Each structure stands twice: as C-alpha cells, then as structure tokens.
Amino acid sequence: MRKRIYWLLPDLGSARRTMDELLLARITEHYIHFVAAEGAPMEGLHAANVLQTSDLVEAAQYGALIGSGLGAAGGVAAAFAFGPASPAALVIGLAAVGAMLGTWSASMIGSSTPSRRLKRFDQAIGDGHYLLIVDVPRTRVSEIERLLHRTHPEAHFEGREPNVPAFP
C-alpha cells in the first residue's frame, strides 16, 4: 500500500535534483510524477500522465458502479416482462454489459476532466512551480519526507493523499 505525497518545487533545477534524490532513495521512476505549466521544460523528469492529472480512474469506478446497477435493474425488469428460463443469467449478463458501458462512457468523460485533487495547485503551477507527486510505501513516508525537508529547503511540502488509486 502506498501514500501519495505532494511537493511544490520552485524551478526545473530543483525538480531534477529532487528526482535524483528520490531515485537514490530507491523510489522507482514509475512512482515519481511531475506536473508543470504547459510548455514548461521537463527534461530529466518523469511527467505525470492522464492517470495522475485527470479524474479518469474515479470516473471509471463510478461508471462501473452505476452501469452495473442500471444493467441489473434492466435485467430484473426484463426477467419479469419476458419470463426467461434463466432470469439470474439475464440479470447478471445485463449487469456486466451495463458495467462495461458505464466504465467506458464515464472514463471518456473522466479522462478529459482535470483532477479535482490537483485543482489547489493550479495557481502555483501557473506561476512556474513544479508539482511533485510521489507514491511512497506507507512504511517509508516519514523517511522520504525527512529526506526532502533536509535536502530541499526551497521545496514546500503540500500534504499527503490518504488513498492512492490502484492503477496509477
């Protein structure tokens, strides 16, 4: 299990040094993500992708939940209306179809919606700061925070995210 930590860094040089520190601390690049203003230089940094910068995962989860519920309700209605030989199979099948359609349609919307978690950083990113998003094993959170406080006094700790999505 991991915790997501946010840091604001003032410039590209600081962001690169922070990336190097985290790699030396054995945090793999897969768990280190940077967000900067559009067009800002990102050489040497692992840029955040759509999974970190949008509401894709959360939207897909809601879509699956709502779609499966609607599909199951449709299956129950169809079972009463048509009286098939296997009403349970009809309900389960339509719930599965609903979950797939709900996940697909909601993820299309979620991928184009900026992350609500990152909304609070819009001003700082617009002012040229770099946002570091790092997913750290729960047992190493304090260690990594102390390391970054000690080695990067120019950086600002911006808090932790209690629940890291499983996919990003």
C-alpha atoms as a PDB file:
ATOM      1  CA  MET A   1       0.000   0.000   0.000  1.00  0.00           C
ATOM      2  CA  ARG A   2       1.262   3.480  -0.846  1.00  0.00           C
ATOM      3  CA  LYS A   3       0.671   7.050   0.221  1.00  0.00           C
ATOM      4  CA  ARG A   4       0.794   9.907  -2.238  1.00  0.00           C
ATOM      5  CA  ILE A   5       2.891  12.905  -1.205  1.00  0.00           C
ATOM      6  CA  TYR A   6       2.767  16.346  -2.855  1.00  0.00           C
ATOM      7  CA  TRP A   7       5.651  18.848  -3.004  1.00  0.00           C
ATOM      8  CA  LEU A   8       5.955  22.167  -4.819  1.00  0.00           C
ATOM      9  CA  LEU A   9       9.377  22.938  -6.249  1.00  0.00           C
ATOM     10  CA  PRO A  10      10.373  26.409  -7.456  1.00  0.00           C
ATOM     11  CA  ASP A  11      12.184  25.533 -10.696  1.00  0.00           C
ATOM     12  CA  LEU A  12      13.425  22.851 -13.084  1.00  0.00           C
ATOM     13  CA  GLY A  13      16.833  22.524 -11.377  1.00  0.00           C
ATOM     14  CA  SER A  14      15.244  21.848  -8.017  1.00  0.00           C
ATOM     15  CA  ALA A  15      12.849  19.362  -9.613  1.00  0.00           C
ATOM     16  CA  ARG A  16      15.720  17.478 -11.268  1.00  0.00           C
ATOM     17  CA  ARG A  17      17.716  17.316  -8.025  1.00  0.00           C
ATOM     18  CA  THR A  18      14.620  16.061  -6.207  1.00  0.00           C
ATOM     19  CA  MET A  19      14.074  13.378  -8.845  1.00  0.00           C
ATOM     20  CA  ASP A  20      17.703  12.260  -8.402  1.00  0.00           C
ATOM     21  CA  GLU A  21      17.334  12.186  -4.602  1.00  0.00           C
ATOM     22  CA  LEU A  22      14.232  10.020  -4.850  1.00  0.00           C
ATOM     23  CA  LEU A  23      15.892   7.623  -7.277  1.00  0.00           C
ATOM     24  CA  LEU A  24      18.890   7.331  -4.935  1.00  0.00           C
ATOM     25  CA  ALA A  25      16.429   6.628  -2.104  1.00  0.00           C
ATOM     26  CA  ARG A  26      15.180   3.685  -4.194  1.00  0.00           C
ATOM     27  CA  ILE A  27      11.836   5.140  -5.204  1.00  0.00           C
ATOM     28  CA  THR A  28      11.397   3.924  -8.771  1.00  0.00           C
ATOM     29  CA  GLU A  29      10.592   6.327 -11.584  1.00  0.00           C
ATOM     30  CA  HIS A  30       7.214   4.647 -12.012  1.00  0.00           C
ATOM     31  CA  TYR A  31       6.081   6.240  -8.723  1.00  0.00           C
ATOM     32  CA  ILE A  32       7.544   9.732  -9.306  1.00  0.00           C
ATOM     33  CA  HIS A  33       5.487  12.220 -11.320  1.00  0.00           C
ATOM     34  CA  PHE A  34       5.908  15.919 -12.105  1.00  0.00           C
ATOM     35  CA  VAL A  35       3.309  18.414 -13.263  1.00  0.00           C
ATOM     36  CA  ALA A  36       4.296  21.778 -14.733  1.00  0.00           C
ATOM     37  CA  ALA A  37       2.681  24.512 -16.752  1.00  0.00           C
ATOM     38  CA  GLU A  38       2.010  23.710 -20.379  1.00  0.00           C
ATOM     39  CA  GLY A  39       5.168  24.312 -22.400  1.00  0.00           C
ATOM     40  CA  ALA A  40       7.469  24.284 -19.344  1.00  0.00           C
ATOM     41  CA  PRO A  41      10.705  22.318 -19.801  1.00  0.00           C
ATOM     42  CA  MET A  42      10.502  18.793 -18.379  1.00  0.00           C
ATOM     43  CA  GLU A  43      13.877  17.349 -19.449  1.00  0.00           C
ATOM     44  CA  GLY A  44      15.090  14.759 -16.969  1.00  0.00           C
ATOM     45  CA  LEU A  45      11.730  14.488 -15.201  1.00  0.00           C
ATOM     46  CA  HIS A  46       9.069  11.799 -15.274  1.00  0.00           C
ATOM     47  CA  ALA A  47       5.991  13.738 -16.359  1.00  0.00           C
ATOM     48  CA  ALA A  48       2.617  12.857 -14.890  1.00  0.00           C
ATOM     49  CA  ASN A  49       0.240  11.242 -17.348  1.00  0.00           C
ATOM     50  CA  VAL A  50      -3.533  11.262 -17.736  1.00  0.00           C
ATOM     51  CA  LEU A  51      -3.928   8.834 -14.826  1.00  0.00           C
ATOM     52  CA  GLN A  52      -2.435  11.372 -12.413  1.00  0.00           C
ATOM     53  CA  THR A  53      -3.737  14.605 -13.972  1.00  0.00           C
ATOM     54  CA  SER A  54      -7.368  13.689 -14.654  1.00  0.00           C
ATOM     55  CA  ASP A  55     -10.310  12.091 -12.884  1.00  0.00           C
ATOM     56  CA  LEU A  56     -10.175   9.032 -15.177  1.00  0.00           C
ATOM     57  CA  VAL A  57      -9.858   6.325 -12.505  1.00  0.00           C
ATOM     58  CA  GLU A  58     -12.503   7.767 -10.205  1.00  0.00           C
ATOM     59  CA  ALA A  59     -14.901   8.314 -13.113  1.00  0.00           C
ATOM     60  CA  ALA A  60     -14.386   4.742 -14.362  1.00  0.00           C
ATOM     61  CA  GLN A  61     -15.151   3.377 -10.898  1.00  0.00           C
ATOM     62  CA  TYR A  62     -18.356   5.396 -10.650  1.00  0.00           C
ATOM     63  CA  GLY A  63     -19.305   4.395 -14.193  1.00  0.00           C
ATOM     64  CA  ALA A  64     -18.861   0.703 -13.412  1.00  0.00           C
ATOM     65  CA  LEU A  65     -20.951   1.006 -10.257  1.00  0.00           C
ATOM     66  CA  ILE A  66     -23.786   2.960 -11.847  1.00  0.00           C
ATOM     67  CA  GLY A  67     -23.709   0.940 -15.079  1.00  0.00           C
ATOM     68  CA  SER A  68     -23.872  -2.399 -13.301  1.00  0.00           C
ATOM     69  CA  GLY A  69     -26.733  -1.170 -11.115  1.00  0.00           C
ATOM     70  CA  LEU A  70     -28.713   0.057 -14.096  1.00  0.00           C
ATOM     71  CA  GLY A  71     -27.924  -3.112 -16.044  1.00  0.00           C
ATOM     72  CA  ALA A  72     -29.074  -5.309 -13.166  1.00  0.00           C
ATOM     73  CA  ALA A  73     -32.277  -3.269 -12.807  1.00  0.00           C
ATOM     74  CA  GLY A  74     -32.890  -3.668 -16.529  1.00  0.00           C
ATOM     75  CA  GLY A  75     -32.259  -7.397 -16.201  1.00  0.00           C
ATOM     76  CA  VAL A  76     -34.796  -7.706 -13.386  1.00  0.00           C
ATOM     77  CA  ALA A  77     -37.364  -5.767 -15.423  1.00  0.00           C
ATOM     78  CA  ALA A  78     -36.691  -7.932 -18.487  1.00  0.00           C
ATOM     79  CA  ALA A  79     -36.948 -11.126 -16.421  1.00  0.00           C
ATOM     80  CA  PHE A  80     -40.385 -10.085 -15.148  1.00  0.00           C
ATOM     81  CA  ALA A  81     -41.554  -8.917 -18.570  1.00  0.00           C
ATOM     82  CA  PHE A  82     -40.375 -11.879 -20.645  1.00  0.00           C
ATOM     83  CA  GLY A  83     -40.083 -14.680 -18.079  1.00  0.00           C
ATOM     84  CA  PRO A  84     -36.912 -16.299 -19.473  1.00  0.00           C
ATOM     85  CA  ALA A  85     -35.846 -19.779 -18.411  1.00  0.00           C
ATOM     86  CA  SER A  86     -32.811 -18.392 -16.524  1.00  0.00           C
ATOM     87  CA  PRO A  87     -33.634 -14.991 -15.010  1.00  0.00           C
ATOM     88  CA  ALA A  88     -30.423 -14.922 -12.931  1.00  0.00           C
ATOM     89  CA  ALA A  89     -28.280 -15.250 -16.061  1.00  0.00           C
ATOM     90  CA  LEU A  90     -30.195 -12.396 -17.693  1.00  0.00           C
ATOM     91  CA  VAL A  91     -29.726 -10.134 -14.659  1.00  0.00           C
ATOM     92  CA  ILE A  92     -26.020 -10.975 -14.348  1.00  0.00           C
ATOM     93  CA  GLY A  93     -25.428 -10.606 -18.072  1.00  0.00           C
ATOM     94  CA  LEU A  94     -27.111  -7.213 -18.288  1.00  0.00           C
ATOM     95  CA  ALA A  95     -25.301  -6.062 -15.148  1.00  0.00           C
ATOM     96  CA  ALA A  96     -21.983  -6.990 -16.782  1.00  0.00           C
ATOM     97  CA  VAL A  97     -22.890  -5.196 -20.015  1.00  0.00           C
ATOM     98  CA  GLY A  98     -24.009  -2.169 -18.003  1.00  0.00           C
ATOM     99  CA  ALA A  99     -20.746  -2.155 -16.051  1.00  0.00           C
ATOM    100  CA  MET A 100     -18.698  -2.256 -19.257  1.00  0.00           C
ATOM    101  CA  LEU A 101     -20.694   0.500 -20.939  1.00  0.00           C
ATOM    102  CA  GLY A 102     -20.726   2.600 -17.779  1.00  0.00           C
ATOM    103  CA  THR A 103     -16.977   2.227 -17.301  1.00  0.00           C
ATOM    104  CA  TRP A 104     -16.255   3.106 -20.917  1.00  0.00           C
ATOM    105  CA  SER A 105     -18.514   6.139 -21.118  1.00  0.00           C
ATOM    106  CA  ALA A 106     -17.548   7.544 -17.721  1.00  0.00           C
ATOM    107  CA  SER A 107     -13.831   7.066 -18.394  1.00  0.00           C
ATOM    108  CA  MET A 108     -14.153   9.055 -21.620  1.00  0.00           C
ATOM    109  CA  ILE A 109     -15.576  11.930 -19.606  1.00  0.00           C
ATOM    110  CA  GLY A 110     -13.118  11.483 -16.735  1.00  0.00           C
ATOM    111  CA  SER A 111     -10.058  11.489 -18.996  1.00  0.00           C
ATOM    112  CA  SER A 112     -10.937  14.977 -20.212  1.00  0.00           C
ATOM    113  CA  THR A 113     -11.719  16.349 -16.740  1.00  0.00           C
ATOM    114  CA  PRO A 114      -8.821  17.888 -14.773  1.00  0.00           C
ATOM    115  CA  SER A 115      -8.163  16.195 -11.452  1.00  0.00           C
ATOM    116  CA  ARG A 116     -10.015  17.699  -8.517  1.00  0.00           C
ATOM    117  CA  ARG A 117      -7.089  16.661  -6.300  1.00  0.00           C
ATOM    118  CA  LEU A 118      -4.707  18.885  -8.246  1.00  0.00           C
ATOM    119  CA  LYS A 119      -7.032  21.893  -8.513  1.00  0.00           C
ATOM    120  CA  ARG A 120      -5.451  23.546  -5.471  1.00  0.00           C
ATOM    121  CA  PHE A 121      -2.079  23.663  -7.257  1.00  0.00           C
ATOM    122  CA  ASP A 122      -3.278  25.481 -10.401  1.00  0.00           C
ATOM    123  CA  GLN A 123      -2.044  28.908  -9.281  1.00  0.00           C
ATOM    124  CA  ALA A 124       1.415  27.688  -8.253  1.00  0.00           C
ATOM    125  CA  ILE A 125       1.852  25.651 -11.440  1.00  0.00           C
ATOM    126  CA  GLY A 126       0.745  28.664 -13.476  1.00  0.00           C
ATOM    127  CA  ASP A 127       3.380  30.742 -11.655  1.00  0.00           C
ATOM    128  CA  GLY A 128       6.110  28.363 -12.863  1.00  0.00           C
ATOM    129  CA  HIS A 129       6.432  25.930  -9.969  1.00  0.00           C
ATOM    130  CA  TYR A 130       6.778  22.193 -10.480  1.00  0.00           C
ATOM    131  CA  LEU A 131       4.455  19.852  -8.614  1.00  0.00           C
ATOM    132  CA  LEU A 132       5.989  16.583  -7.468  1.00  0.00           C
ATOM    133  CA  ILE A 133       3.597  13.697  -6.920  1.00  0.00           C
ATOM    134  CA  VAL A 134       5.359  10.725  -5.375  1.00  0.00           C
ATOM    135  CA  ASP A 135       3.751   7.456  -4.299  1.00  0.00           C
ATOM    136  CA  VAL A 136       5.717   6.073  -1.372  1.00  0.00           C
ATOM    137  CA  PRO A 137       5.304   2.799   0.550  1.00  0.00           C
ATOM    138  CA  ARG A 138       3.476   3.573   3.790  1.00  0.00           C
ATOM    139  CA  THR A 139       6.436   2.367   5.822  1.00  0.00           C
ATOM    140  CA  ARG A 140       8.749   4.940   4.178  1.00  0.00           C
ATOM    141  CA  VAL A 141       6.580   8.078   4.201  1.00  0.00           C
ATOM    142  CA  SER A 142       8.309   9.728   7.185  1.00  0.00           C
ATOM    143  CA  GLU A 143      11.755   8.800   5.880  1.00  0.00           C
ATOM    144  CA  ILE A 144      11.126  10.333   2.449  1.00  0.00           C
ATOM    145  CA  GLU A 145       9.543  13.466   3.920  1.00  0.00           C
ATOM    146  CA  ARG A 146      12.559  13.969   6.221  1.00  0.00           C
ATOM    147  CA  LEU A 147      14.933  13.423   3.290  1.00  0.00           C
ATOM    148  CA  LEU A 148      13.209  16.042   1.136  1.00  0.00           C
ATOM    149  CA  HIS A 149      12.920  18.527   4.017  1.00  0.00           C
ATOM    150  CA  ARG A 150      16.628  18.147   4.723  1.00  0.00           C
ATOM    151  CA  THR A 151      17.944  18.230   1.144  1.00  0.00           C
ATOM    152  CA  HIS A 152      15.470  20.684  -0.420  1.00  0.00           C
ATOM    153  CA  PRO A 153      14.695  23.622   1.857  1.00  0.00           C
ATOM    154  CA  GLU A 154      13.409  25.512  -1.191  1.00  0.00           C
ATOM    155  CA  ALA A 155      10.625  22.945  -1.660  1.00  0.00           C
ATOM    156  CA  HIS A 156       7.242  23.207   0.036  1.00  0.00           C
ATOM    157  CA  PHE A 157       5.544  20.139   1.475  1.00  0.00           C
ATOM    158  CA  GLU A 158       1.904  20.261   0.337  1.00  0.00           C
ATOM    159  CA  GLY A 159       0.450  17.262   2.110  1.00  0.00           C
ATOM    160  CA  ARG A 160      -0.471  13.643   1.652  1.00  0.00           C
ATOM    161  CA  GLU A 161      -3.232  11.905  -0.209  1.00  0.00           C
ATOM    162  CA  PRO A 162      -4.773   9.242   2.028  1.00  0.00           C
ATOM    163  CA  ASN A 163      -5.810   6.877  -0.755  1.00  0.00           C
ATOM    164  CA  VAL A 164      -3.653   6.240  -3.789  1.00  0.00           C
ATOM    165  CA  PRO A 165      -5.624   4.766  -6.700  1.00  0.00           C
ATOM    166  CA  ALA A 166      -4.504   1.247  -7.526  1.00  0.00           C
ATOM    167  CA  PHE A 167      -3.855   1.846 -11.236  1.00  0.00           C
ATOM    168  CA  PRO A 168      -1.724   5.000 -11.469  1.00  0.00           C
END
